[in-house]
Amino acid sequence: MTGPSGVNPTPEKSRVAVLGTLAEFHREPIPFDLAALVRLVDDLDPDFLCLEMSPQQWQQQDFSDLPPEFGEALLPLAYQTDMVVVPIAETDPPAEPAAAGWRGRFIEG
């Protein structure tokens, strides 16, 4: 069934891929392959690349505190393609949750 002017009234579904990286392993003696990350994201060919950086970091182009997968892989890929970078981190992230009472003392060691 088509609508006016032959337009399909059923919208096309969007694909969403969530890709978690293990940034703590990038600075180890044997880092994982950032080129493989670039190939994977390039193969997915997303329209939007949501990255955990604050809007302020993005506006100021201040990537010094970001993990290598951003500055050495994903941001250069976005610059070379038509992917739109969307900063999704809060400017002031909430404090890490802490356990109270004996649980907190036990966790702290």
PDB file of N, CA and C in Angstrom:
ATOM      1  N   MET A   1       0.849  -1.179   0.000  1.00  0.00           N
ATOM      2  CA  MET A   1       0.000   0.000   0.000  1.00  0.00           C
ATOM      3  C   MET A   1       0.893   1.240   0.000  1.00  0.00           C
ATOM      4  N   THR A   2       0.543   2.192  -0.795  1.00  0.00           N
ATOM      5  CA  THR A   2       1.309   3.433  -0.838  1.00  0.00           C
ATOM      6  C   THR A   2       0.399   4.600  -0.518  1.00  0.00           C
ATOM      7  N   GLY A   3       1.001   5.656  -0.035  1.00  0.00           N
ATOM      8  CA  GLY A   3       0.266   6.860   0.306  1.00  0.00           C
ATOM      9  C   GLY A   3       0.294   7.829  -0.849  1.00  0.00           C
ATOM     10  N   PRO A   4       0.097   9.119  -0.559  1.00  0.00           N
ATOM     11  CA  PRO A   4       0.110  10.139  -1.599  1.00  0.00           C
ATOM     12  C   PRO A   4       1.439  10.139  -2.350  1.00  0.00           C
ATOM     13  N   SER A   5       1.370  10.332  -3.613  1.00  0.00           N
ATOM     14  CA  SER A   5       2.550  10.421  -4.486  1.00  0.00           C
ATOM     15  C   SER A   5       3.411   9.168  -4.417  1.00  0.00           C
ATOM     16  N   GLY A   6       2.814   8.030  -4.115  1.00  0.00           N
ATOM     17  CA  GLY A   6       3.556   6.780  -4.099  1.00  0.00           C
ATOM     18  C   GLY A   6       4.477   6.606  -2.908  1.00  0.00           C
ATOM     19  N   VAL A   7       4.310   7.415  -1.851  1.00  0.00           N
ATOM     20  CA  VAL A   7       5.160   7.320  -0.668  1.00  0.00           C
ATOM     21  C   VAL A   7       4.643   6.203   0.223  1.00  0.00           C
ATOM     22  N   ASN A   8       5.526   5.336   0.658  1.00  0.00           N
ATOM     23  CA  ASN A   8       5.158   4.247   1.545  1.00  0.00           C
ATOM     24  C   ASN A   8       4.843   4.827   2.924  1.00  0.00           C
ATOM     25  N   PRO A   9       3.627   4.619   3.461  1.00  0.00           N
ATOM     26  CA  PRO A   9       3.271   5.203   4.758  1.00  0.00           C
ATOM     27  C   PRO A   9       3.982   4.528   5.931  1.00  0.00           C
ATOM     28  N   THR A  10       4.576   3.363   5.711  1.00  0.00           N
ATOM     29  CA  THR A  10       5.289   2.677   6.774  1.00  0.00           C
ATOM     30  C   THR A  10       6.732   3.160   6.784  1.00  0.00           C
ATOM     31  N   PRO A  11       7.148   3.848   7.848  1.00  0.00           N
ATOM     32  CA  PRO A  11       8.520   4.371   7.873  1.00  0.00           C
ATOM     33  C   PRO A  11       9.534   3.230   7.946  1.00  0.00           C
ATOM     34  N   GLU A  12      10.678   3.476   7.367  1.00  0.00           N
ATOM     35  CA  GLU A  12      11.761   2.508   7.418  1.00  0.00           C
ATOM     36  C   GLU A  12      12.324   2.481   8.832  1.00  0.00           C
ATOM     37  N   LYS A  13      12.601   1.293   9.334  1.00  0.00           N
ATOM     38  CA  LYS A  13      13.153   1.173  10.682  1.00  0.00           C
ATOM     39  C   LYS A  13      14.634   1.509  10.658  1.00  0.00           C
ATOM     40  N   SER A  14      15.072   2.184  11.698  1.00  0.00           N
ATOM     41  CA  SER A  14      16.481   2.542  11.831  1.00  0.00           C
ATOM     42  C   SER A  14      17.217   1.442  12.578  1.00  0.00           C
ATOM     43  N   ARG A  15      18.464   1.229  12.187  1.00  0.00           N
ATOM     44  CA  ARG A  15      19.309   0.289  12.908  1.00  0.00           C
ATOM     45  C   ARG A  15      20.118   1.067  13.933  1.00  0.00           C
ATOM     46  N   VAL A  16      20.278   0.466  15.092  1.00  0.00           N
ATOM     47  CA  VAL A  16      21.105   1.059  16.140  1.00  0.00           C
ATOM     48  C   VAL A  16      22.126   0.007  16.563  1.00  0.00           C
ATOM     49  N   ALA A  17      23.381   0.388  16.580  1.00  0.00           N
ATOM     50  CA  ALA A  17      24.443  -0.502  17.058  1.00  0.00           C
ATOM     51  C   ALA A  17      25.119   0.176  18.236  1.00  0.00           C
ATOM     52  N   VAL A  18      25.233  -0.538  19.334  1.00  0.00           N
ATOM     53  CA  VAL A  18      25.921  -0.019  20.509  1.00  0.00           C
ATOM     54  C   VAL A  18      27.232  -0.782  20.619  1.00  0.00           C
ATOM     55  N   LEU A  19      28.305  -0.039  20.605  1.00  0.00           N
ATOM     56  CA  LEU A  19      29.628  -0.645  20.585  1.00  0.00           C
ATOM     57  C   LEU A  19      30.402  -0.169  21.800  1.00  0.00           C
ATOM     58  N   GLY A  20      30.651  -1.054  22.725  1.00  0.00           N
ATOM     59  CA  GLY A  20      31.426  -0.701  23.911  1.00  0.00           C
ATOM     60  C   GLY A  20      32.892  -1.028  23.678  1.00  0.00           C
ATOM     61  N   THR A  21      33.764  -0.157  24.112  1.00  0.00           N
ATOM     62  CA  THR A  21      35.196  -0.422  23.987  1.00  0.00           C
ATOM     63  C   THR A  21      35.798  -0.531  25.374  1.00  0.00           C
ATOM     64  N   LEU A  22      36.925  -1.165  25.464  1.00  0.00           N
ATOM     65  CA  LEU A  22      37.604  -1.360  26.736  1.00  0.00           C
ATOM     66  C   LEU A  22      38.818  -0.447  26.784  1.00  0.00           C
ATOM     67  N   ALA A  23      38.571   0.810  27.061  1.00  0.00           N
ATOM     68  CA  ALA A  23      39.625   1.830  26.994  1.00  0.00           C
ATOM     69  C   ALA A  23      40.796   1.522  27.911  1.00  0.00           C
ATOM     70  N   GLU A  24      40.526   0.855  29.029  1.00  0.00           N
ATOM     71  CA  GLU A  24      41.624   0.602  29.963  1.00  0.00           C
ATOM     72  C   GLU A  24      42.696  -0.313  29.374  1.00  0.00           C
ATOM     73  N   PHE A  25      42.375  -1.060  28.307  1.00  0.00           N
ATOM     74  CA  PHE A  25      43.356  -1.946  27.693  1.00  0.00           C
ATOM     75  C   PHE A  25      44.190  -1.258  26.617  1.00  0.00           C
ATOM     76  N   HIS A  26      43.841  -0.058  26.210  1.00  0.00           N
ATOM     77  CA  HIS A  26      44.573   0.622  25.137  1.00  0.00           C
ATOM     78  C   HIS A  26      45.973   1.038  25.550  1.00  0.00           C
ATOM     79  N   ARG A  27      46.181   1.294  26.798  1.00  0.00           N
ATOM     80  CA  ARG A  27      47.489   1.772  27.234  1.00  0.00           C
ATOM     81  C   ARG A  27      48.354   0.649  27.796  1.00  0.00           C
ATOM     82  N   GLU A  28      47.892  -0.569  27.671  1.00  0.00           N
ATOM     83  CA  GLU A  28      48.675  -1.735  28.075  1.00  0.00           C
ATOM     84  C   GLU A  28      49.747  -1.994  27.024  1.00  0.00           C
ATOM     85  N   PRO A  29      50.756  -2.803  27.349  1.00  0.00           N
ATOM     86  CA  PRO A  29      51.817  -3.076  26.379  1.00  0.00           C
ATOM     87  C   PRO A  29      51.312  -3.652  25.056  1.00  0.00           C
ATOM     88  N   ILE A  30      50.242  -4.432  25.084  1.00  0.00           N
ATOM     89  CA  ILE A  30      49.700  -4.999  23.850  1.00  0.00           C
ATOM     90  C   ILE A  30      48.283  -4.445  23.664  1.00  0.00           C
ATOM     91  N   PRO A  31      48.160  -3.252  23.083  1.00  0.00           N
ATOM     92  CA  PRO A  31      46.829  -2.659  22.897  1.00  0.00           C
ATOM     93  C   PRO A  31      46.036  -3.417  21.844  1.00  0.00           C
ATOM     94  N   PHE A  32      44.722  -3.357  21.948  1.00  0.00           N
ATOM     95  CA  PHE A  32      43.959  -4.001  20.883  1.00  0.00           C
ATOM     96  C   PHE A  32      43.978  -3.122  19.657  1.00  0.00           C
ATOM     97  N   ASP A  33      43.648  -3.693  18.555  1.00  0.00           N
ATOM     98  CA  ASP A  33      43.830  -3.097  17.236  1.00  0.00           C
ATOM     99  C   ASP A  33      42.791  -2.006  16.956  1.00  0.00           C
ATOM    100  N   LEU A  34      43.221  -0.742  17.016  1.00  0.00           N
ATOM    101  CA  LEU A  34      42.313   0.364  16.722  1.00  0.00           C
ATOM    102  C   LEU A  34      41.897   0.352  15.256  1.00  0.00           C
ATOM    103  N   ALA A  35      42.742  -0.178  14.379  1.00  0.00           N
ATOM    104  CA  ALA A  35      42.381  -0.280  12.962  1.00  0.00           C
ATOM    105  C   ALA A  35      41.183  -1.208  12.784  1.00  0.00           C
ATOM    106  N   ALA A  36      41.098  -2.251  13.619  1.00  0.00           N
ATOM    107  CA  ALA A  36      39.943  -3.154  13.556  1.00  0.00           C
ATOM    108  C   ALA A  36      38.674  -2.421  13.973  1.00  0.00           C
ATOM    109  N   LEU A  37      38.793  -1.536  14.965  1.00  0.00           N
ATOM    110  CA  LEU A  37      37.650  -0.728  15.387  1.00  0.00           C
ATOM    111  C   LEU A  37      37.196   0.186  14.253  1.00  0.00           C
ATOM    112  N   VAL A  38      38.148   0.812  13.582  1.00  0.00           N
ATOM    113  CA  VAL A  38      37.821   1.688  12.449  1.00  0.00           C
ATOM    114  C   VAL A  38      37.122   0.889  11.352  1.00  0.00           C
ATOM    115  N   ARG A  39      37.648  -0.296  11.030  1.00  0.00           N
ATOM    116  CA  ARG A  39      37.017  -1.124   9.984  1.00  0.00           C
ATOM    117  C   ARG A  39      35.593  -1.506  10.371  1.00  0.00           C
ATOM    118  N   LEU A  40      35.401  -1.879  11.637  1.00  0.00           N
ATOM    119  CA  LEU A  40      34.073  -2.281  12.103  1.00  0.00           C
ATOM    120  C   LEU A  40      33.077  -1.138  11.979  1.00  0.00           C
ATOM    121  N   VAL A  41      33.452   0.035  12.480  1.00  0.00           N
ATOM    122  CA  VAL A  41      32.540   1.187  12.423  1.00  0.00           C
ATOM    123  C   VAL A  41      32.331   1.622  10.976  1.00  0.00           C
ATOM    124  N   ASP A  42      33.378   1.585  10.180  1.00  0.00           N
ATOM    125  CA  ASP A  42      33.249   1.944   8.766  1.00  0.00           C
ATOM    126  C   ASP A  42      32.310   0.980   8.050  1.00  0.00           C
ATOM    127  N   ASP A  43      32.394  -0.307   8.368  1.00  0.00           N
ATOM    128  CA  ASP A  43      31.490  -1.296   7.764  1.00  0.00           C
ATOM    129  C   ASP A  43      30.044  -1.068   8.191  1.00  0.00           C
ATOM    130  N   LEU A  44      29.844  -0.659   9.451  1.00  0.00           N
ATOM    131  CA  LEU A  44      28.487  -0.362   9.925  1.00  0.00           C
ATOM    132  C   LEU A  44      27.926   0.876   9.239  1.00  0.00           C
ATOM    133  N   ASP A  45      28.816   1.801   8.867  1.00  0.00           N
ATOM    134  CA  ASP A  45      28.457   3.026   8.148  1.00  0.00           C
ATOM    135  C   ASP A  45      27.308   3.788   8.813  1.00  0.00           C
ATOM    136  N   PRO A  46      27.494   4.187  10.086  1.00  0.00           N
ATOM    137  CA  PRO A  46      26.400   4.892  10.769  1.00  0.00           C
ATOM    138  C   PRO A  46      26.248   6.324  10.264  1.00  0.00           C
ATOM    139  N   ASP A  47      25.042   6.843  10.396  1.00  0.00           N
ATOM    140  CA  ASP A  47      24.808   8.258  10.106  1.00  0.00           C
ATOM    141  C   ASP A  47      25.304   9.113  11.264  1.00  0.00           C
ATOM    142  N   PHE A  48      25.108   8.605  12.476  1.00  0.00           N
ATOM    143  CA  PHE A  48      25.492   9.324  13.686  1.00  0.00           C
ATOM    144  C   PHE A  48      26.466   8.483  14.489  1.00  0.00           C
ATOM    145  N   LEU A  49      27.456   9.137  15.056  1.00  0.00           N
ATOM    146  CA  LEU A  49      28.439   8.481  15.898  1.00  0.00           C
ATOM    147  C   LEU A  49      28.365   9.155  17.266  1.00  0.00           C
ATOM    148  N   CYS A  50      27.644   8.527  18.198  1.00  0.00           N
ATOM    149  CA  CYS A  50      27.474   9.089  19.541  1.00  0.00           C
ATOM    150  C   CYS A  50      28.687   8.701  20.381  1.00  0.00           C
ATOM    151  N   LEU A  51      29.393   9.698  20.870  1.00  0.00           N
ATOM    152  CA  LEU A  51      30.613   9.452  21.630  1.00  0.00           C
ATOM    153  C   LEU A  51      30.503  10.041  23.025  1.00  0.00           C
ATOM    154  N   GLU A  52      31.115   9.349  23.980  1.00  0.00           N
ATOM    155  CA  GLU A  52      31.085   9.805  25.368  1.00  0.00           C
ATOM    156  C   GLU A  52      32.081  10.939  25.576  1.00  0.00           C
ATOM    157  N   MET A  53      31.684  12.102  25.092  1.00  0.00           N
ATOM    158  CA  MET A  53      32.419  13.343  25.327  1.00  0.00           C
ATOM    159  C   MET A  53      31.376  14.415  25.567  1.00  0.00           C
ATOM    160  N   SER A  54      31.756  15.433  26.299  1.00  0.00           N
ATOM    161  CA  SER A  54      30.795  16.493  26.601  1.00  0.00           C
ATOM    162  C   SER A  54      30.652  17.425  25.399  1.00  0.00           C
ATOM    163  N   PRO A  55      29.523  18.100  25.298  1.00  0.00           N
ATOM    164  CA  PRO A  55      29.375  19.096  24.233  1.00  0.00           C
ATOM    165  C   PRO A  55      30.479  20.152  24.286  1.00  0.00           C
ATOM    166  N   GLN A  56      30.929  20.502  25.496  1.00  0.00           N
ATOM    167  CA  GLN A  56      31.997  21.491  25.638  1.00  0.00           C
ATOM    168  C   GLN A  56      33.299  20.963  25.030  1.00  0.00           C
ATOM    169  N   GLN A  57      33.637  19.699  25.293  1.00  0.00           N
ATOM    170  CA  GLN A  57      34.848  19.117  24.696  1.00  0.00           C
ATOM    171  C   GLN A  57      34.762  19.160  23.172  1.00  0.00           C
ATOM    172  N   TRP A  58      33.583  18.851  22.650  1.00  0.00           N
ATOM    173  CA  TRP A  58      33.401  18.836  21.200  1.00  0.00           C
ATOM    174  C   TRP A  58      33.539  20.244  20.620  1.00  0.00           C
ATOM    175  N   GLN A  59      32.894  21.219  21.249  1.00  0.00           N
ATOM    176  CA  GLN A  59      32.949  22.591  20.743  1.00  0.00           C
ATOM    177  C   GLN A  59      34.362  23.155  20.799  1.00  0.00           C
ATOM    178  N   GLN A  60      35.092  22.829  21.850  1.00  0.00           N
ATOM    179  CA  GLN A  60      36.454  23.337  22.000  1.00  0.00           C
ATOM    180  C   GLN A  60      37.481  22.454  21.293  1.00  0.00           C
ATOM    181  N   GLN A  61      37.010  21.336  20.729  1.00  0.00           N
ATOM    182  CA  GLN A  61      37.906  20.365  20.087  1.00  0.00           C
ATOM    183  C   GLN A  61      39.020  19.950  21.052  1.00  0.00           C
ATOM    184  N   ASP A  62      38.642  19.765  22.319  1.00  0.00           N
ATOM    185  CA  ASP A  62      39.589  19.373  23.360  1.00  0.00           C
ATOM    186  C   ASP A  62      39.446  17.878  23.606  1.00  0.00           C
ATOM    187  N   PHE A  63      40.294  17.100  22.970  1.00  0.00           N
ATOM    188  CA  PHE A  63      40.197  15.650  23.055  1.00  0.00           C
ATOM    189  C   PHE A  63      41.337  15.043  23.871  1.00  0.00           C
ATOM    190  N   SER A  64      42.074  15.877  24.598  1.00  0.00           N
ATOM    191  CA  SER A  64      43.266  15.420  25.318  1.00  0.00           C
ATOM    192  C   SER A  64      42.951  14.403  26.413  1.00  0.00           C
ATOM    193  N   ASP A  65      41.789  14.496  27.034  1.00  0.00           N
ATOM    194  CA  ASP A  65      41.445  13.579  28.122  1.00  0.00           C
ATOM    195  C   ASP A  65      40.658  12.364  27.645  1.00  0.00           C
ATOM    196  N   LEU A  66      40.435  12.252  26.358  1.00  0.00           N
ATOM    197  CA  LEU A  66      39.640  11.148  25.835  1.00  0.00           C
ATOM    198  C   LEU A  66      40.517   9.936  25.555  1.00  0.00           C
ATOM    199  N   PRO A  67      39.934   8.751  25.614  1.00  0.00           N
ATOM    200  CA  PRO A  67      40.717   7.547  25.337  1.00  0.00           C
ATOM    201  C   PRO A  67      41.174   7.487  23.877  1.00  0.00           C
ATOM    202  N   PRO A  68      42.212   6.702  23.595  1.00  0.00           N
ATOM    203  CA  PRO A  68      42.771   6.638  22.241  1.00  0.00           C
ATOM    204  C   PRO A  68      41.774   6.230  21.159  1.00  0.00           C
ATOM    205  N   GLU A  69      40.777   5.421  21.509  1.00  0.00           N
ATOM    206  CA  GLU A  69      39.849   5.003  20.451  1.00  0.00           C
ATOM    207  C   GLU A  69      39.084   6.186  19.869  1.00  0.00           C
ATOM    208  N   PHE A  70      39.003   7.291  20.617  1.00  0.00           N
ATOM    209  CA  PHE A  70      38.357   8.488  20.079  1.00  0.00           C
ATOM    210  C   PHE A  70      39.313   9.240  19.162  1.00  0.00           C
ATOM    211  N   GLY A  71      40.432   9.696  19.731  1.00  0.00           N
ATOM    212  CA  GLY A  71      41.359  10.551  18.995  1.00  0.00           C
ATOM    213  C   GLY A  71      42.139   9.863  17.897  1.00  0.00           C
ATOM    214  N   GLU A  72      42.380   8.559  18.050  1.00  0.00           N
ATOM    215  CA  GLU A  72      43.190   7.840  17.071  1.00  0.00           C
ATOM    216  C   GLU A  72      42.370   6.984  16.114  1.00  0.00           C
ATOM    217  N   ALA A  73      41.080   6.833  16.376  1.00  0.00           N
ATOM    218  CA  ALA A  73      40.282   5.940  15.530  1.00  0.00           C
ATOM    219  C   ALA A  73      38.961   6.573  15.089  1.00  0.00           C
ATOM    220  N   LEU A  74      38.063   6.819  16.034  1.00  0.00           N
ATOM    221  CA  LEU A  74      36.699   7.212  15.670  1.00  0.00           C
ATOM    222  C   LEU A  74      36.589   8.641  15.147  1.00  0.00           C
ATOM    223  N   LEU A  75      37.257   9.589  15.780  1.00  0.00           N
ATOM    224  CA  LEU A  75      37.174  10.975  15.295  1.00  0.00           C
ATOM    225  C   LEU A  75      37.811  11.137  13.916  1.00  0.00           C
ATOM    226  N   PRO A  76      39.004  10.566  13.671  1.00  0.00           N
ATOM    227  CA  PRO A  76      39.540  10.656  12.307  1.00  0.00           C
ATOM    228  C   PRO A  76      38.622  10.001  11.273  1.00  0.00           C
ATOM    229  N   LEU A  77      37.992   8.886  11.640  1.00  0.00           N
ATOM    230  CA  LEU A  77      37.057   8.237  10.715  1.00  0.00           C
ATOM    231  C   LEU A  77      35.876   9.152  10.414  1.00  0.00           C
ATOM    232  N   ALA A  78      35.338   9.796  11.445  1.00  0.00           N
ATOM    233  CA  ALA A  78      34.203  10.701  11.239  1.00  0.00           C
ATOM    234  C   ALA A  78      34.589  11.860  10.327  1.00  0.00           C
ATOM    235  N   TYR A  79      35.807  12.375  10.478  1.00  0.00           N
ATOM    236  CA  TYR A  79      36.269  13.481   9.625  1.00  0.00           C
ATOM    237  C   TYR A  79      36.396  13.053   8.166  1.00  0.00           C
ATOM    238  N   GLN A  80      36.712  11.787   7.937  1.00  0.00           N
ATOM    239  CA  GLN A  80      36.918  11.285   6.575  1.00  0.00           C
ATOM    240  C   GLN A  80      35.625  10.850   5.899  1.00  0.00           C
ATOM    241  N   THR A  81      34.544  10.783   6.647  1.00  0.00           N
ATOM    242  CA  THR A  81      33.266  10.298   6.112  1.00  0.00           C
ATOM    243  C   THR A  81      32.186  11.338   6.375  1.00  0.00           C
ATOM    244  N   ASP A  82      30.949  10.946   6.137  1.00  0.00           N
ATOM    245  CA  ASP A  82      29.838  11.856   6.415  1.00  0.00           C
ATOM    246  C   ASP A  82      29.158  11.538   7.744  1.00  0.00           C
ATOM    247  N   MET A  83      29.841  10.798   8.632  1.00  0.00           N
ATOM    248  CA  MET A  83      29.285  10.496   9.951  1.00  0.00           C
ATOM    249  C   MET A  83      29.218  11.778  10.774  1.00  0.00           C
ATOM    250  N   VAL A  84      28.117  11.965  11.470  1.00  0.00           N
ATOM    251  CA  VAL A  84      27.931  13.135  12.323  1.00  0.00           C
ATOM    252  C   VAL A  84      28.247  12.727  13.759  1.00  0.00           C
ATOM    253  N   VAL A  85      29.209  13.403  14.371  1.00  0.00           N
ATOM    254  CA  VAL A  85      29.575  13.124  15.759  1.00  0.00           C
ATOM    255  C   VAL A  85      28.576  13.810  16.678  1.00  0.00           C
ATOM    256  N   VAL A  86      28.042  13.037  17.630  1.00  0.00           N
ATOM    257  CA  VAL A  86      27.084  13.558  18.603  1.00  0.00           C
ATOM    258  C   VAL A  86      27.667  13.335  19.998  1.00  0.00           C
ATOM    259  N   PRO A  87      28.075  14.412  20.691  1.00  0.00           N
ATOM    260  CA  PRO A  87      28.595  14.244  22.049  1.00  0.00           C
ATOM    261  C   PRO A  87      27.446  13.947  23.009  1.00  0.00           C
ATOM    262  N   ILE A  88      27.579  12.873  23.783  1.00  0.00           N
ATOM    263  CA  ILE A  88      26.456  12.464  24.632  1.00  0.00           C
ATOM    264  C   ILE A  88      26.774  12.482  26.126  1.00  0.00           C
ATOM    265  N   ALA A  89      28.002  12.813  26.507  1.00  0.00           N
ATOM    266  CA  ALA A  89      28.347  12.844  27.936  1.00  0.00           C
ATOM    267  C   ALA A  89      27.889  14.157  28.557  1.00  0.00           C
ATOM    268  N   GLU A  90      27.622  14.106  29.828  1.00  0.00           N
ATOM    269  CA  GLU A  90      27.238  15.315  30.547  1.00  0.00           C
ATOM    270  C   GLU A  90      28.468  16.181  30.784  1.00  0.00           C
ATOM    271  N   THR A  91      28.259  17.480  30.833  1.00  0.00           N
ATOM    272  CA  THR A  91      29.364  18.391  31.120  1.00  0.00           C
ATOM    273  C   THR A  91      29.912  18.135  32.514  1.00  0.00           C
ATOM    274  N   ASP A  92      29.033  17.966  33.471  1.00  0.00           N
ATOM    275  CA  ASP A  92      29.418  17.639  34.847  1.00  0.00           C
ATOM    276  C   ASP A  92      28.810  16.285  35.189  1.00  0.00           C
ATOM    277  N   PRO A  93      29.563  15.199  34.975  1.00  0.00           N
ATOM    278  CA  PRO A  93      28.989  13.882  35.235  1.00  0.00           C
ATOM    279  C   PRO A  93      28.637  13.712  36.706  1.00  0.00           C
ATOM    280  N   PRO A  94      27.624  12.911  36.988  1.00  0.00           N
ATOM    281  CA  PRO A  94      27.247  12.691  38.383  1.00  0.00           C
ATOM    282  C   PRO A  94      28.371  11.967  39.121  1.00  0.00           C
ATOM    283  N   ALA A  95      28.404  12.159  40.423  1.00  0.00           N
ATOM    284  CA  ALA A  95      29.418  11.498  41.245  1.00  0.00           C
ATOM    285  C   ALA A  95      29.208   9.989  41.206  1.00  0.00           C
ATOM    286  N   GLU A  96      30.305   9.269  41.318  1.00  0.00           N
ATOM    287  CA  GLU A  96      30.215   7.815  41.373  1.00  0.00           C
ATOM    288  C   GLU A  96      29.418   7.423  42.614  1.00  0.00           C
ATOM    289  N   PRO A  97      28.536   6.441  42.482  1.00  0.00           N
ATOM    290  CA  PRO A  97      27.773   6.025  43.657  1.00  0.00           C
ATOM    291  C   PRO A  97      28.705   5.404  44.693  1.00  0.00           C
ATOM    292  N   ALA A  98      28.388   5.622  45.941  1.00  0.00           N
ATOM    293  CA  ALA A  98      29.188   5.078  47.033  1.00  0.00           C
ATOM    294  C   ALA A  98      28.263   4.384  48.018  1.00  0.00           C
ATOM    295  N   ALA A  99      28.724   3.265  48.524  1.00  0.00           N
ATOM    296  CA  ALA A  99      27.947   2.543  49.521  1.00  0.00           C
ATOM    297  C   ALA A  99      28.136   3.208  50.878  1.00  0.00           C
ATOM    298  N   ALA A 100      27.079   3.231  51.659  1.00  0.00           N
ATOM    299  CA  ALA A 100      27.126   3.856  52.984  1.00  0.00           C
ATOM    300  C   ALA A 100      27.382   2.802  54.059  1.00  0.00           C
ATOM    301  N   GLY A 101      27.743   3.282  55.224  1.00  0.00           N
ATOM    302  CA  GLY A 101      27.865   2.405  56.387  1.00  0.00           C
ATOM    303  C   GLY A 101      28.951   1.360  56.243  1.00  0.00           C
ATOM    304  N   TRP A 102      28.695   0.178  56.830  1.00  0.00           N
ATOM    305  CA  TRP A 102      29.699  -0.887  56.834  1.00  0.00           C
ATOM    306  C   TRP A 102      30.014  -1.376  55.427  1.00  0.00           C
ATOM    307  N   ARG A 103      29.046  -1.314  54.533  1.00  0.00           N
ATOM    308  CA  ARG A 103      29.305  -1.753  53.154  1.00  0.00           C
ATOM    309  C   ARG A 103      30.362  -0.858  52.502  1.00  0.00           C
ATOM    310  N   GLY A 104      30.222   0.450  52.702  1.00  0.00           N
ATOM    311  CA  GLY A 104      31.193   1.381  52.148  1.00  0.00           C
ATOM    312  C   GLY A 104      32.579   1.170  52.726  1.00  0.00           C
ATOM    313  N   ARG A 105      32.642   0.955  54.042  1.00  0.00           N
ATOM    314  CA  ARG A 105      33.941   0.714  54.680  1.00  0.00           C
ATOM    315  C   ARG A 105      34.552  -0.590  54.181  1.00  0.00           C
ATOM    316  N   PHE A 106      33.731  -1.602  53.972  1.00  0.00           N
ATOM    317  CA  PHE A 106      34.216  -2.892  53.485  1.00  0.00           C
ATOM    318  C   PHE A 106      34.764  -2.761  52.062  1.00  0.00           C
ATOM    319  N   ILE A 107      34.057  -2.038  51.208  1.00  0.00           N
ATOM    320  CA  ILE A 107      34.480  -1.860  49.815  1.00  0.00           C
ATOM    321  C   ILE A 107      35.778  -1.076  49.745  1.00  0.00           C
ATOM    322  N   GLU A 108      35.897  -0.040  50.573  1.00  0.00           N
ATOM    323  CA  GLU A 108      37.107   0.787  50.570  1.00  0.00           C
ATOM    324  C   GLU A 108      38.321   0.020  51.074  1.00  0.00           C
ATOM    325  N   GLY A 109      38.092  -1.087  51.777  1.00  0.00           N
ATOM    326  CA  GLY A 109      39.203  -1.932  52.227  1.00  0.00           C
ATOM    327  C   GLY A 109      39.670  -1.533  53.537  1.00  0.00           C
TER     328      GLY A 109
END
